[in-house]
Amino acid sequence: LRHAYATHLLEQGVNIRVIQRYMGHKSLETTMRYLHLTRKGQEDAYQIIDAFMTGFSNDRA
């Protein structure tokens, strides 16, 4: 639950240093793990959107 909450905060644009303090992490590297998950989610979303748009443009041709 904490993991998901921190990831959502990052996705909403909350500064990573604020999240670090809020989560009680001594090391920024610990908090950076959540950033990796956020990037993975973005990459997955881009792939889904790209596949959808490719199919959409092929249907209109």
PDB file of N, CA and C in Angstrom:
ATOM      1  N   LEU A   1       0.828  -1.196   0.000  1.00  0.00           N
ATOM      2  CA  LEU A   1       0.000   0.000   0.000  1.00  0.00           C
ATOM      3  C   LEU A   1       0.874   1.262   0.000  1.00  0.00           C
ATOM      4  N   ARG A   2       1.922   1.268   0.818  1.00  0.00           N
ATOM      5  CA  ARG A   2       2.839   2.412   0.834  1.00  0.00           C
ATOM      6  C   ARG A   2       3.494   2.594  -0.527  1.00  0.00           C
ATOM      7  N   HIS A   3       3.836   1.484  -1.150  1.00  0.00           N
ATOM      8  CA  HIS A   3       4.504   1.522  -2.448  1.00  0.00           C
ATOM      9  C   HIS A   3       3.600   2.194  -3.483  1.00  0.00           C
ATOM     10  N   ALA A   4       2.350   1.760  -3.523  1.00  0.00           N
ATOM     11  CA  ALA A   4       1.397   2.322  -4.481  1.00  0.00           C
ATOM     12  C   ALA A   4       1.157   3.807  -4.208  1.00  0.00           C
ATOM     13  N   TYR A   5       1.047   4.170  -2.936  1.00  0.00           N
ATOM     14  CA  TYR A   5       0.796   5.559  -2.576  1.00  0.00           C
ATOM     15  C   TYR A   5       1.948   6.454  -3.033  1.00  0.00           C
ATOM     16  N   ALA A   6       3.166   6.031  -2.799  1.00  0.00           N
ATOM     17  CA  ALA A   6       4.329   6.819  -3.220  1.00  0.00           C
ATOM     18  C   ALA A   6       4.383   6.938  -4.740  1.00  0.00           C
ATOM     19  N   THR A   7       4.064   5.867  -5.435  1.00  0.00           N
ATOM     20  CA  THR A   7       4.054   5.900  -6.894  1.00  0.00           C
ATOM     21  C   THR A   7       3.007   6.882  -7.395  1.00  0.00           C
ATOM     22  N   HIS A   8       1.828   6.873  -6.799  1.00  0.00           N
ATOM     23  CA  HIS A   8       0.771   7.810  -7.199  1.00  0.00           C
ATOM     24  C   HIS A   8       1.183   9.260  -6.944  1.00  0.00           C
ATOM     25  N   LEU A   9       1.853   9.506  -5.832  1.00  0.00           N
ATOM     26  CA  LEU A   9       2.332  10.862  -5.558  1.00  0.00           C
ATOM     27  C   LEU A   9       3.298  11.324  -6.644  1.00  0.00           C
ATOM     28  N   LEU A  10       4.205  10.448  -7.038  1.00  0.00           N
ATOM     29  CA  LEU A  10       5.152  10.789  -8.109  1.00  0.00           C
ATOM     30  C   LEU A  10       4.423  11.074  -9.411  1.00  0.00           C
ATOM     31  N   GLU A  11       3.435  10.241  -9.729  1.00  0.00           N
ATOM     32  CA  GLU A  11       2.681  10.425 -10.966  1.00  0.00           C
ATOM     33  C   GLU A  11       1.922  11.745 -10.974  1.00  0.00           C
ATOM     34  N   GLN A  12       1.578  12.246  -9.798  1.00  0.00           N
ATOM     35  CA  GLN A  12       0.867  13.519  -9.696  1.00  0.00           C
ATOM     36  C   GLN A  12       1.812  14.713  -9.652  1.00  0.00           C
ATOM     37  N   GLY A  13       3.114  14.444  -9.733  1.00  0.00           N
ATOM     38  CA  GLY A  13       4.088  15.519  -9.822  1.00  0.00           C
ATOM     39  C   GLY A  13       4.648  16.009  -8.499  1.00  0.00           C
ATOM     40  N   VAL A  14       4.426  15.266  -7.421  1.00  0.00           N
ATOM     41  CA  VAL A  14       4.984  15.654  -6.131  1.00  0.00           C
ATOM     42  C   VAL A  14       6.500  15.468  -6.185  1.00  0.00           C
ATOM     43  N   ASN A  15       7.231  16.439  -5.698  1.00  0.00           N
ATOM     44  CA  ASN A  15       8.690  16.400  -5.708  1.00  0.00           C
ATOM     45  C   ASN A  15       9.196  15.166  -4.968  1.00  0.00           C
ATOM     46  N   ILE A  16      10.188  14.505  -5.552  1.00  0.00           N
ATOM     47  CA  ILE A  16      10.691  13.258  -4.979  1.00  0.00           C
ATOM     48  C   ILE A  16      11.308  13.463  -3.596  1.00  0.00           C
ATOM     49  N   ARG A  17      11.871  14.628  -3.333  1.00  0.00           N
ATOM     50  CA  ARG A  17      12.428  14.906  -1.998  1.00  0.00           C
ATOM     51  C   ARG A  17      11.315  15.006  -0.951  1.00  0.00           C
ATOM     52  N   VAL A  18      10.176  15.539  -1.342  1.00  0.00           N
ATOM     53  CA  VAL A  18       9.025  15.610  -0.434  1.00  0.00           C
ATOM     54  C   VAL A  18       8.545  14.200  -0.112  1.00  0.00           C
ATOM     55  N   ILE A  19       8.470  13.365  -1.135  1.00  0.00           N
ATOM     56  CA  ILE A  19       8.048  11.976  -0.926  1.00  0.00           C
ATOM     57  C   ILE A  19       9.055  11.249  -0.049  1.00  0.00           C
ATOM     58  N   GLN A  20      10.336  11.504  -0.273  1.00  0.00           N
ATOM     59  CA  GLN A  20      11.385  10.879   0.539  1.00  0.00           C
ATOM     60  C   GLN A  20      11.164  11.186   2.019  1.00  0.00           C
ATOM     61  N   ARG A  21      10.945  12.443   2.330  1.00  0.00           N
ATOM     62  CA  ARG A  21      10.715  12.827   3.737  1.00  0.00           C
ATOM     63  C   ARG A  21       9.430  12.207   4.266  1.00  0.00           C
ATOM     64  N   TYR A  22       8.373  12.255   3.470  1.00  0.00           N
ATOM     65  CA  TYR A  22       7.073  11.734   3.880  1.00  0.00           C
ATOM     66  C   TYR A  22       7.137  10.232   4.173  1.00  0.00           C
ATOM     67  N   MET A  23       7.885   9.508   3.329  1.00  0.00           N
ATOM     68  CA  MET A  23       7.986   8.057   3.490  1.00  0.00           C
ATOM     69  C   MET A  23       9.001   7.661   4.559  1.00  0.00           C
ATOM     70  N   GLY A  24       9.808   8.617   5.006  1.00  0.00           N
ATOM     71  CA  GLY A  24      10.794   8.328   6.036  1.00  0.00           C
ATOM     72  C   GLY A  24      12.040   7.637   5.520  1.00  0.00           C
ATOM     73  N   HIS A  25      12.316   7.786   4.229  1.00  0.00           N
ATOM     74  CA  HIS A  25      13.508   7.177   3.638  1.00  0.00           C
ATOM     75  C   HIS A  25      14.733   8.017   3.963  1.00  0.00           C
ATOM     76  N   LYS A  26      15.764   7.383   4.459  1.00  0.00           N
ATOM     77  CA  LYS A  26      17.019   8.089   4.716  1.00  0.00           C
ATOM     78  C   LYS A  26      17.778   8.332   3.420  1.00  0.00           C
ATOM     79  N   SER A  27      17.639   7.413   2.490  1.00  0.00           N
ATOM     80  CA  SER A  27      18.375   7.470   1.234  1.00  0.00           C
ATOM     81  C   SER A  27      17.426   7.805   0.082  1.00  0.00           C
ATOM     82  N   LEU A  28      17.848   8.725  -0.773  1.00  0.00           N
ATOM     83  CA  LEU A  28      17.055   9.055  -1.954  1.00  0.00           C
ATOM     84  C   LEU A  28      16.958   7.854  -2.892  1.00  0.00           C
ATOM     85  N   GLU A  29      17.964   6.997  -2.886  1.00  0.00           N
ATOM     86  CA  GLU A  29      17.947   5.816  -3.744  1.00  0.00           C
ATOM     87  C   GLU A  29      16.740   4.927  -3.436  1.00  0.00           C
ATOM     88  N   THR A  30      16.365   4.853  -2.177  1.00  0.00           N
ATOM     89  CA  THR A  30      15.192   4.065  -1.805  1.00  0.00           C
ATOM     90  C   THR A  30      13.947   4.640  -2.468  1.00  0.00           C
ATOM     91  N   THR A  31      13.815   5.942  -2.425  1.00  0.00           N
ATOM     92  CA  THR A  31      12.653   6.601  -3.024  1.00  0.00           C
ATOM     93  C   THR A  31      12.693   6.491  -4.544  1.00  0.00           C
ATOM     94  N   MET A  32      13.878   6.471  -5.120  1.00  0.00           N
ATOM     95  CA  MET A  32      14.024   6.389  -6.573  1.00  0.00           C
ATOM     96  C   MET A  32      13.447   5.100  -7.142  1.00  0.00           C
ATOM     97  N   ARG A  33      13.313   4.079  -6.332  1.00  0.00           N
ATOM     98  CA  ARG A  33      12.700   2.829  -6.809  1.00  0.00           C
ATOM     99  C   ARG A  33      11.289   3.079  -7.324  1.00  0.00           C
ATOM    100  N   TYR A  34      10.590   3.996  -6.686  1.00  0.00           N
ATOM    101  CA  TYR A  34       9.231   4.316  -7.102  1.00  0.00           C
ATOM    102  C   TYR A  34       9.225   5.016  -8.452  1.00  0.00           C
ATOM    103  N   LEU A  35      10.238   5.810  -8.715  1.00  0.00           N
ATOM    104  CA  LEU A  35      10.351   6.492  -9.997  1.00  0.00           C
ATOM    105  C   LEU A  35      10.472   5.480 -11.128  1.00  0.00           C
ATOM    106  N   HIS A  36      11.212   4.400 -10.892  1.00  0.00           N
ATOM    107  CA  HIS A  36      11.352   3.350 -11.891  1.00  0.00           C
ATOM    108  C   HIS A  36       9.984   2.775 -12.242  1.00  0.00           C
ATOM    109  N   LEU A  37       9.152   2.530 -11.246  1.00  0.00           N
ATOM    110  CA  LEU A  37       7.819   1.984 -11.499  1.00  0.00           C
ATOM    111  C   LEU A  37       6.972   2.956 -12.304  1.00  0.00           C
ATOM    112  N   THR A  38       7.115   4.232 -12.023  1.00  0.00           N
ATOM    113  CA  THR A  38       6.362   5.244 -12.746  1.00  0.00           C
ATOM    114  C   THR A  38       6.777   5.266 -14.214  1.00  0.00           C
ATOM    115  N   ARG A  39       8.069   5.199 -14.479  1.00  0.00           N
ATOM    116  CA  ARG A  39       8.554   5.180 -15.865  1.00  0.00           C
ATOM    117  C   ARG A  39       8.058   3.940 -16.596  1.00  0.00           C
ATOM    118  N   LYS A  40       8.048   2.795 -15.921  1.00  0.00           N
ATOM    119  CA  LYS A  40       7.567   1.561 -16.539  1.00  0.00           C
ATOM    120  C   LYS A  40       6.099   1.710 -16.914  1.00  0.00           C
ATOM    121  N   GLY A  41       5.317   2.307 -16.040  1.00  0.00           N
ATOM    122  CA  GLY A  41       3.900   2.531 -16.327  1.00  0.00           C
ATOM    123  C   GLY A  41       3.704   3.441 -17.523  1.00  0.00           C
ATOM    124  N   GLN A  42       4.533   4.465 -17.648  1.00  0.00           N
ATOM    125  CA  GLN A  42       4.445   5.369 -18.788  1.00  0.00           C
ATOM    126  C   GLN A  42       4.800   4.647 -20.080  1.00  0.00           C
ATOM    127  N   GLU A  43       5.841   3.831 -20.048  1.00  0.00           N
ATOM    128  CA  GLU A  43       6.244   3.087 -21.238  1.00  0.00           C
ATOM    129  C   GLU A  43       5.127   2.150 -21.681  1.00  0.00           C
ATOM    130  N   ASP A  44       4.496   1.469 -20.731  1.00  0.00           N
ATOM    131  CA  ASP A  44       3.389   0.575 -21.061  1.00  0.00           C
ATOM    132  C   ASP A  44       2.240   1.356 -21.689  1.00  0.00           C
ATOM    133  N   ALA A  45       1.929   2.516 -21.134  1.00  0.00           N
ATOM    134  CA  ALA A  45       0.844   3.343 -21.669  1.00  0.00           C
ATOM    135  C   ALA A  45       1.165   3.806 -23.085  1.00  0.00           C
ATOM    136  N   TYR A  46       2.402   4.230 -23.324  1.00  0.00           N
ATOM    137  CA  TYR A  46       2.789   4.667 -24.665  1.00  0.00           C
ATOM    138  C   TYR A  46       2.637   3.537 -25.681  1.00  0.00           C
ATOM    139  N   GLN A  47       2.999   2.334 -25.300  1.00  0.00           N
ATOM    140  CA  GLN A  47       2.881   1.197 -26.211  1.00  0.00           C
ATOM    141  C   GLN A  47       1.425   0.906 -26.539  1.00  0.00           C
ATOM    142  N   ILE A  48       0.559   0.983 -25.548  1.00  0.00           N
ATOM    143  CA  ILE A  48      -0.867   0.735 -25.768  1.00  0.00           C
ATOM    144  C   ILE A  48      -1.457   1.806 -26.683  1.00  0.00           C
ATOM    145  N   ILE A  49      -1.124   3.069 -26.417  1.00  0.00           N
ATOM    146  CA  ILE A  49      -1.639   4.168 -27.235  1.00  0.00           C
ATOM    147  C   ILE A  49      -1.117   4.059 -28.661  1.00  0.00           C
ATOM    148  N   ASP A  50       0.162   3.735 -28.814  1.00  0.00           N
ATOM    149  CA  ASP A  50       0.751   3.594 -30.142  1.00  0.00           C
ATOM    150  C   ASP A  50       0.061   2.487 -30.933  1.00  0.00           C
ATOM    151  N   ALA A  51      -0.180   1.352 -30.290  1.00  0.00           N
ATOM    152  CA  ALA A  51      -0.856   0.238 -30.962  1.00  0.00           C
ATOM    153  C   ALA A  51      -2.275   0.640 -31.362  1.00  0.00           C
ATOM    154  N   PHE A  52      -2.964   1.345 -30.492  1.00  0.00           N
ATOM    155  CA  PHE A  52      -4.321   1.797 -30.793  1.00  0.00           C
ATOM    156  C   PHE A  52      -4.329   2.755 -31.975  1.00  0.00           C
ATOM    157  N   MET A  53      -3.433   3.730 -31.958  1.00  0.00           N
ATOM    158  CA  MET A  53      -3.395   4.730 -33.024  1.00  0.00           C
ATOM    159  C   MET A  53      -2.977   4.117 -34.355  1.00  0.00           C
ATOM    160  N   THR A  54      -2.085   3.148 -34.320  1.00  0.00           N
ATOM    161  CA  THR A  54      -1.683   2.463 -35.550  1.00  0.00           C
ATOM    162  C   THR A  54      -2.880   1.731 -36.146  1.00  0.00           C
ATOM    163  N   GLY A  55      -3.626   1.038 -35.300  1.00  0.00           N
ATOM    164  CA  GLY A  55      -4.830   0.347 -35.764  1.00  0.00           C
ATOM    165  C   GLY A  55      -5.875   1.321 -36.277  1.00  0.00           C
ATOM    166  N   PHE A  56      -6.024   2.462 -35.616  1.00  0.00           N
ATOM    167  CA  PHE A  56      -6.990   3.479 -36.015  1.00  0.00           C
ATOM    168  C   PHE A  56      -6.646   4.040 -37.388  1.00  0.00           C
ATOM    169  N   SER A  57      -5.373   4.352 -37.611  1.00  0.00           N
ATOM    170  CA  SER A  57      -4.977   4.929 -38.896  1.00  0.00           C
ATOM    171  C   SER A  57      -5.086   3.901 -40.018  1.00  0.00           C
ATOM    172  N   ASN A  58      -4.859   2.631 -39.724  1.00  0.00           N
ATOM    173  CA  ASN A  58      -5.005   1.584 -40.739  1.00  0.00           C
ATOM    174  C   ASN A  58      -6.466   1.387 -41.116  1.00  0.00           C
ATOM    175  N   ASP A  59      -7.372   1.548 -40.165  1.00  0.00           N
ATOM    176  CA  ASP A  59      -8.803   1.407 -40.428  1.00  0.00           C
ATOM    177  C   ASP A  59      -9.321   2.525 -41.317  1.00  0.00           C
ATOM    178  N   ARG A  60      -8.731   3.704 -41.233  1.00  0.00           N
ATOM    179  CA  ARG A  60      -9.197   4.866 -41.987  1.00  0.00           C
ATOM    180  C   ARG A  60      -8.600   4.904 -43.391  1.00  0.00           C
ATOM    181  N   ALA A  61      -7.582   4.096 -43.643  1.00  0.00           N
ATOM    182  CA  ALA A  61      -6.894   4.136 -44.945  1.00  0.00           C
ATOM    183  C   ALA A  61      -7.662   3.393 -46.004  1.00  0.00           C
TER     184      ALA A  61
END
